[in-house]
Amino acid sequence: MDTTDPVPDGRAALTDEEREELTWLRAENAFLRVQRDVLTRIATDYAHDLEVILGRRATGASRR
C-alpha cells in the first residue's frame, strides 16, 4: 500500500517502497561508518607502529 498523502508542509509522503529503501540505505550507511572507523583505527595503529620501528632503527643506527 503506497502512502502518498501529503505531509503538513505540502510535500508528498514517501511510498512504502521509498520508505523501505530509505531504511536499507540508513542501515548501509551505519555499517559503512563502522567499517570506516575500523579501517581508520587500523591505519593509525599501523602508522604508529611503523613510526616506532623506524624511530628505533634511526636511534639504533645513531648509537653505532
PDB file of N, CA and C in Angstrom:
ATOM      1  N   MET A   1       0.847  -1.185   0.000  1.00  0.00           N
ATOM      2  CA  MET A   1       0.000   0.000   0.000  1.00  0.00           C
ATOM      3  C   MET A   1       0.888   1.241   0.000  1.00  0.00           C
ATOM      4  N   ASP A   2       0.738   2.094  -0.978  1.00  0.00           N
ATOM      5  CA  ASP A   2       1.524   3.316  -1.066  1.00  0.00           C
ATOM      6  C   ASP A   2       0.883   4.411  -0.231  1.00  0.00           C
ATOM      7  N   THR A   3       1.720   5.144   0.463  1.00  0.00           N
ATOM      8  CA  THR A   3       1.260   6.274   1.250  1.00  0.00           C
ATOM      9  C   THR A   3       1.681   7.529   0.520  1.00  0.00           C
ATOM     10  N   THR A   4       0.775   8.140  -0.196  1.00  0.00           N
ATOM     11  CA  THR A   4       1.119   9.326  -0.977  1.00  0.00           C
ATOM     12  C   THR A   4       0.397  10.569  -0.492  1.00  0.00           C
ATOM     13  N   ASP A   5      -0.228  10.487   0.677  1.00  0.00           N
ATOM     14  CA  ASP A   5      -0.875  11.671   1.231  1.00  0.00           C
ATOM     15  C   ASP A   5       0.200  12.702   1.556  1.00  0.00           C
ATOM     16  N   PRO A   6      -0.062  13.971   1.244  1.00  0.00           N
ATOM     17  CA  PRO A   6       0.964  14.985   1.526  1.00  0.00           C
ATOM     18  C   PRO A   6       1.181  15.148   3.028  1.00  0.00           C
ATOM     19  N   VAL A   7       2.422  15.440   3.388  1.00  0.00           N
ATOM     20  CA  VAL A   7       2.742  15.740   4.782  1.00  0.00           C
ATOM     21  C   VAL A   7       2.408  17.203   5.030  1.00  0.00           C
ATOM     22  N   PRO A   8       2.375  17.648   6.279  1.00  0.00           N
ATOM     23  CA  PRO A   8       1.906  19.008   6.594  1.00  0.00           C
ATOM     24  C   PRO A   8       2.569  20.141   5.804  1.00  0.00           C
ATOM     25  N   ASP A   9       3.840  19.995   5.406  1.00  0.00           N
ATOM     26  CA  ASP A   9       4.474  21.116   4.692  1.00  0.00           C
ATOM     27  C   ASP A   9       4.196  21.089   3.190  1.00  0.00           C
ATOM     28  N   GLY A  10       3.322  20.186   2.721  1.00  0.00           N
ATOM     29  CA  GLY A  10       2.899  20.175   1.338  1.00  0.00           C
ATOM     30  C   GLY A  10       3.625  19.188   0.451  1.00  0.00           C
ATOM     31  N   ARG A  11       4.714  18.599   0.932  1.00  0.00           N
ATOM     32  CA  ARG A  11       5.429  17.611   0.116  1.00  0.00           C
ATOM     33  C   ARG A  11       4.682  16.288   0.164  1.00  0.00           C
ATOM     34  N   ALA A  12       4.875  15.461  -0.864  1.00  0.00           N
ATOM     35  CA  ALA A  12       4.263  14.132  -0.871  1.00  0.00           C
ATOM     36  C   ALA A  12       5.036  13.231   0.086  1.00  0.00           C
ATOM     37  N   ALA A  13       4.321  12.413   0.837  1.00  0.00           N
ATOM     38  CA  ALA A  13       4.959  11.472   1.757  1.00  0.00           C
ATOM     39  C   ALA A  13       5.637  10.371   0.959  1.00  0.00           C
ATOM     40  N   LEU A  14       6.540   9.675   1.597  1.00  0.00           N
ATOM     41  CA  LEU A  14       7.237   8.578   0.933  1.00  0.00           C
ATOM     42  C   LEU A  14       6.298   7.401   0.700  1.00  0.00           C
ATOM     43  N   THR A  15       6.525   6.717  -0.399  1.00  0.00           N
ATOM     44  CA  THR A  15       5.773   5.483  -0.644  1.00  0.00           C
ATOM     45  C   THR A  15       6.383   4.398   0.234  1.00  0.00           C
ATOM     46  N   ASP A  16       5.699   3.279   0.349  1.00  0.00           N
ATOM     47  CA  ASP A  16       6.229   2.170   1.144  1.00  0.00           C
ATOM     48  C   ASP A  16       7.567   1.692   0.588  1.00  0.00           C
ATOM     49  N   GLU A  17       7.671   1.656  -0.732  1.00  0.00           N
ATOM     50  CA  GLU A  17       8.922   1.229  -1.376  1.00  0.00           C
ATOM     51  C   GLU A  17      10.054   2.208  -1.074  1.00  0.00           C
ATOM     52  N   GLU A  18       9.749   3.496  -1.126  1.00  0.00           N
ATOM     53  CA  GLU A  18      10.766   4.516  -0.825  1.00  0.00           C
ATOM     54  C   GLU A  18      11.182   4.453   0.641  1.00  0.00           C
ATOM     55  N   ARG A  19      10.206   4.227   1.516  1.00  0.00           N
ATOM     56  CA  ARG A  19      10.499   4.126   2.946  1.00  0.00           C
ATOM     57  C   ARG A  19      11.384   2.911   3.236  1.00  0.00           C
ATOM     58  N   GLU A  20      11.091   1.799   2.550  1.00  0.00           N
ATOM     59  CA  GLU A  20      11.895   0.582   2.707  1.00  0.00           C
ATOM     60  C   GLU A  20      13.328   0.827   2.222  1.00  0.00           C
ATOM     61  N   GLU A  21      13.462   1.501   1.075  1.00  0.00           N
ATOM     62  CA  GLU A  21      14.795   1.802   0.552  1.00  0.00           C
ATOM     63  C   GLU A  21      15.545   2.745   1.482  1.00  0.00           C
ATOM     64  N   LEU A  22      14.858   3.726   2.028  1.00  0.00           N
ATOM     65  CA  LEU A  22      15.473   4.667   2.960  1.00  0.00           C
ATOM     66  C   LEU A  22      15.979   3.939   4.204  1.00  0.00           C
ATOM     67  N   THR A  23      15.193   3.014   4.722  1.00  0.00           N
ATOM     68  CA  THR A  23      15.609   2.215   5.876  1.00  0.00           C
ATOM     69  C   THR A  23      16.853   1.402   5.549  1.00  0.00           C
ATOM     70  N   TRP A  24      16.857   0.777   4.366  1.00  0.00           N
ATOM     71  CA  TRP A  24      18.005  -0.022   3.944  1.00  0.00           C
ATOM     72  C   TRP A  24      19.246   0.856   3.785  1.00  0.00           C
ATOM     73  N   LEU A  25      19.088   2.033   3.170  1.00  0.00           N
ATOM     74  CA  LEU A  25      20.217   2.943   2.963  1.00  0.00           C
ATOM     75  C   LEU A  25      20.780   3.456   4.285  1.00  0.00           C
ATOM     76  N   ARG A  26      19.906   3.724   5.237  1.00  0.00           N
ATOM     77  CA  ARG A  26      20.376   4.177   6.553  1.00  0.00           C
ATOM     78  C   ARG A  26      21.169   3.080   7.255  1.00  0.00           C
ATOM     79  N   ALA A  27      20.703   1.839   7.140  1.00  0.00           N
ATOM     80  CA  ALA A  27      21.429   0.715   7.741  1.00  0.00           C
ATOM     81  C   ALA A  27      22.780   0.531   7.050  1.00  0.00           C
ATOM     82  N   GLU A  28      22.801   0.636   5.731  1.00  0.00           N
ATOM     83  CA  GLU A  28      24.066   0.504   4.993  1.00  0.00           C
ATOM     84  C   GLU A  28      25.020   1.632   5.371  1.00  0.00           C
ATOM     85  N   ASN A  29      24.507   2.835   5.514  1.00  0.00           N
ATOM     86  CA  ASN A  29      25.321   3.975   5.929  1.00  0.00           C
ATOM     87  C   ASN A  29      25.961   3.725   7.292  1.00  0.00           C
ATOM     88  N   ALA A  30      25.174   3.227   8.226  1.00  0.00           N
ATOM     89  CA  ALA A  30      25.705   2.931   9.561  1.00  0.00           C
ATOM     90  C   ALA A  30      26.806   1.878   9.479  1.00  0.00           C
ATOM     91  N   PHE A  31      26.588   0.842   8.672  1.00  0.00           N
ATOM     92  CA  PHE A  31      27.586  -0.210   8.500  1.00  0.00           C
ATOM     93  C   PHE A  31      28.861   0.352   7.888  1.00  0.00           C
ATOM     94  N   LEU A  32      28.723   1.197   6.875  1.00  0.00           N
ATOM     95  CA  LEU A  32      29.898   1.784   6.225  1.00  0.00           C
ATOM     96  C   LEU A  32      30.655   2.715   7.170  1.00  0.00           C
ATOM     97  N   ARG A  33      29.944   3.410   8.030  1.00  0.00           N
ATOM     98  CA  ARG A  33      30.619   4.260   9.026  1.00  0.00           C
ATOM     99  C   ARG A  33      31.449   3.415   9.987  1.00  0.00           C
ATOM    100  N   VAL A  34      30.904   2.288  10.403  1.00  0.00           N
ATOM    101  CA  VAL A  34      31.645   1.392  11.292  1.00  0.00           C
ATOM    102  C   VAL A  34      32.889   0.878  10.576  1.00  0.00           C
ATOM    103  N   GLN A  35      32.738   0.457   9.321  1.00  0.00           N
ATOM    104  CA  GLN A  35      33.900  -0.018   8.554  1.00  0.00           C
ATOM    105  C   GLN A  35      34.948   1.077   8.429  1.00  0.00           C
ATOM    106  N   ARG A  36      34.524   2.290   8.146  1.00  0.00           N
ATOM    107  CA  ARG A  36      35.461   3.410   8.026  1.00  0.00           C
ATOM    108  C   ARG A  36      36.212   3.632   9.334  1.00  0.00           C
ATOM    109  N   ASP A  37      35.490   3.591  10.449  1.00  0.00           N
ATOM    110  CA  ASP A  37      36.124   3.804  11.745  1.00  0.00           C
ATOM    111  C   ASP A  37      37.141   2.705  12.053  1.00  0.00           C
ATOM    112  N   VAL A  38      36.792   1.466  11.755  1.00  0.00           N
ATOM    113  CA  VAL A  38      37.707   0.347  12.000  1.00  0.00           C
ATOM    114  C   VAL A  38      38.954   0.494  11.138  1.00  0.00           C
ATOM    115  N   LEU A  39      38.775   0.784   9.863  1.00  0.00           N
ATOM    116  CA  LEU A  39      39.918   0.937   8.964  1.00  0.00           C
ATOM    117  C   LEU A  39      40.780   2.138   9.350  1.00  0.00           C
ATOM    118  N   THR A  40      40.170   3.197   9.830  1.00  0.00           N
ATOM    119  CA  THR A  40      40.941   4.358  10.290  1.00  0.00           C
ATOM    120  C   THR A  40      41.791   3.988  11.488  1.00  0.00           C
ATOM    121  N   ARG A  41      41.203   3.237  12.434  1.00  0.00           N
ATOM    122  CA  ARG A  41      41.978   2.791  13.603  1.00  0.00           C
ATOM    123  C   ARG A  41      43.129   1.888  13.192  1.00  0.00           C
ATOM    124  N   ILE A  42      42.869   0.981  12.267  1.00  0.00           N
ATOM    125  CA  ILE A  42      43.913   0.066  11.800  1.00  0.00           C
ATOM    126  C   ILE A  42      45.039   0.862  11.137  1.00  0.00           C
ATOM    127  N   ALA A  43      44.692   1.796  10.261  1.00  0.00           N
ATOM    128  CA  ALA A  43      45.704   2.598   9.566  1.00  0.00           C
ATOM    129  C   ALA A  43      46.500   3.450  10.554  1.00  0.00           C
ATOM    130  N   THR A  44      45.828   4.018  11.537  1.00  0.00           N
ATOM    131  CA  THR A  44      46.501   4.834  12.543  1.00  0.00           C
ATOM    132  C   THR A  44      47.469   3.989  13.364  1.00  0.00           C
ATOM    133  N   ASP A  45      47.015   2.816  13.788  1.00  0.00           N
ATOM    134  CA  ASP A  45      47.885   1.924  14.560  1.00  0.00           C
ATOM    135  C   ASP A  45      49.071   1.471  13.725  1.00  0.00           C
ATOM    136  N   TYR A  46      48.844   1.170  12.456  1.00  0.00           N
ATOM    137  CA  TYR A  46      49.923   0.749  11.565  1.00  0.00           C
ATOM    138  C   TYR A  46      50.939   1.880  11.415  1.00  0.00           C
ATOM    139  N   ALA A  47      50.464   3.091  11.200  1.00  0.00           N
ATOM    140  CA  ALA A  47      51.364   4.238  11.056  1.00  0.00           C
ATOM    141  C   ALA A  47      52.154   4.463  12.334  1.00  0.00           C
ATOM    142  N   HIS A  48      51.507   4.326  13.473  1.00  0.00           N
ATOM    143  CA  HIS A  48      52.193   4.484  14.760  1.00  0.00           C
ATOM    144  C   HIS A  48      53.264   3.406  14.930  1.00  0.00           C
ATOM    145  N   ASP A  49      52.898   2.153  14.644  1.00  0.00           N
ATOM    146  CA  ASP A  49      53.859   1.061  14.755  1.00  0.00           C
ATOM    147  C   ASP A  49      55.046   1.271  13.823  1.00  0.00           C
ATOM    148  N   LEU A  50      54.783   1.704  12.609  1.00  0.00           N
ATOM    149  CA  LEU A  50      55.848   1.950  11.646  1.00  0.00           C
ATOM    150  C   LEU A  50      56.754   3.072  12.132  1.00  0.00           C
ATOM    151  N   GLU A  51      56.166   4.100  12.699  1.00  0.00           N
ATOM    152  CA  GLU A  51      56.942   5.215  13.247  1.00  0.00           C
ATOM    153  C   GLU A  51      57.841   4.725  14.378  1.00  0.00           C
ATOM    154  N   VAL A  52      57.312   3.870  15.228  1.00  0.00           N
ATOM    155  CA  VAL A  52      58.100   3.324  16.335  1.00  0.00           C
ATOM    156  C   VAL A  52      59.255   2.491  15.791  1.00  0.00           C
ATOM    157  N   ILE A  53      58.974   1.634  14.810  1.00  0.00           N
ATOM    158  CA  ILE A  53      60.017   0.783  14.232  1.00  0.00           C
ATOM    159  C   ILE A  53      61.097   1.642  13.571  1.00  0.00           C
ATOM    160  N   LEU A  54      60.690   2.590  12.763  1.00  0.00           N
ATOM    161  CA  LEU A  54      61.662   3.451  12.082  1.00  0.00           C
ATOM    162  C   LEU A  54      62.411   4.330  13.082  1.00  0.00           C
ATOM    163  N   GLY A  55      61.724   4.767  14.099  1.00  0.00           N
ATOM    164  CA  GLY A  55      62.366   5.573  15.140  1.00  0.00           C
ATOM    165  C   GLY A  55      63.428   4.778  15.872  1.00  0.00           C
ATOM    166  N   ARG A  56      63.148   3.517  16.143  1.00  0.00           N
ATOM    167  CA  ARG A  56      64.120   2.662  16.818  1.00  0.00           C
ATOM    168  C   ARG A  56      65.317   2.383  15.926  1.00  0.00           C
ATOM    169  N   ARG A  57      65.071   2.182  14.628  1.00  0.00           N
ATOM    170  CA  ARG A  57      66.168   1.940  13.695  1.00  0.00           C
ATOM    171  C   ARG A  57      67.072   3.168  13.607  1.00  0.00           C
ATOM    172  N   ALA A  58      66.431   4.346  13.527  1.00  0.00           N
ATOM    173  CA  ALA A  58      67.224   5.578  13.436  1.00  0.00           C
ATOM    174  C   ALA A  58      68.006   5.788  14.723  1.00  0.00           C
ATOM    175  N   THR A  59      67.396   5.498  15.863  1.00  0.00           N
ATOM    176  CA  THR A  59      68.077   5.647  17.145  1.00  0.00           C
ATOM    177  C   THR A  59      69.188   4.623  17.260  1.00  0.00           C
ATOM    178  N   GLY A  60      68.907   3.385  16.855  1.00  0.00           N
ATOM    179  CA  GLY A  60      69.912   2.329  16.906  1.00  0.00           C
ATOM    180  C   GLY A  60      71.086   2.605  15.988  1.00  0.00           C
ATOM    181  N   ALA A  61      70.814   3.197  14.832  1.00  0.00           N
ATOM    182  CA  ALA A  61      71.867   3.493  13.871  1.00  0.00           C
ATOM    183  C   ALA A  61      72.762   4.620  14.371  1.00  0.00           C
ATOM    184  N   SER A  62      72.189   5.566  15.104  1.00  0.00           N
ATOM    185  CA  SER A  62      72.988   6.700  15.587  1.00  0.00           C
ATOM    186  C   SER A  62      73.859   6.296  16.764  1.00  0.00           C
ATOM    187  N   ARG A  63      73.522   5.196  17.435  1.00  0.00           N
ATOM    188  CA  ARG A  63      74.310   4.740  18.579  1.00  0.00           C
ATOM    189  C   ARG A  63      75.569   4.006  18.158  1.00  0.00           C
ATOM    190  N   ARG A  64      75.598   3.522  16.938  1.00  0.00           N
ATOM    191  CA  ARG A  64      76.748   2.749  16.484  1.00  0.00           C
ATOM    192  C   ARG A  64      77.939   3.577  16.232  1.00  0.00           C
TER     193      ARG A  64
END
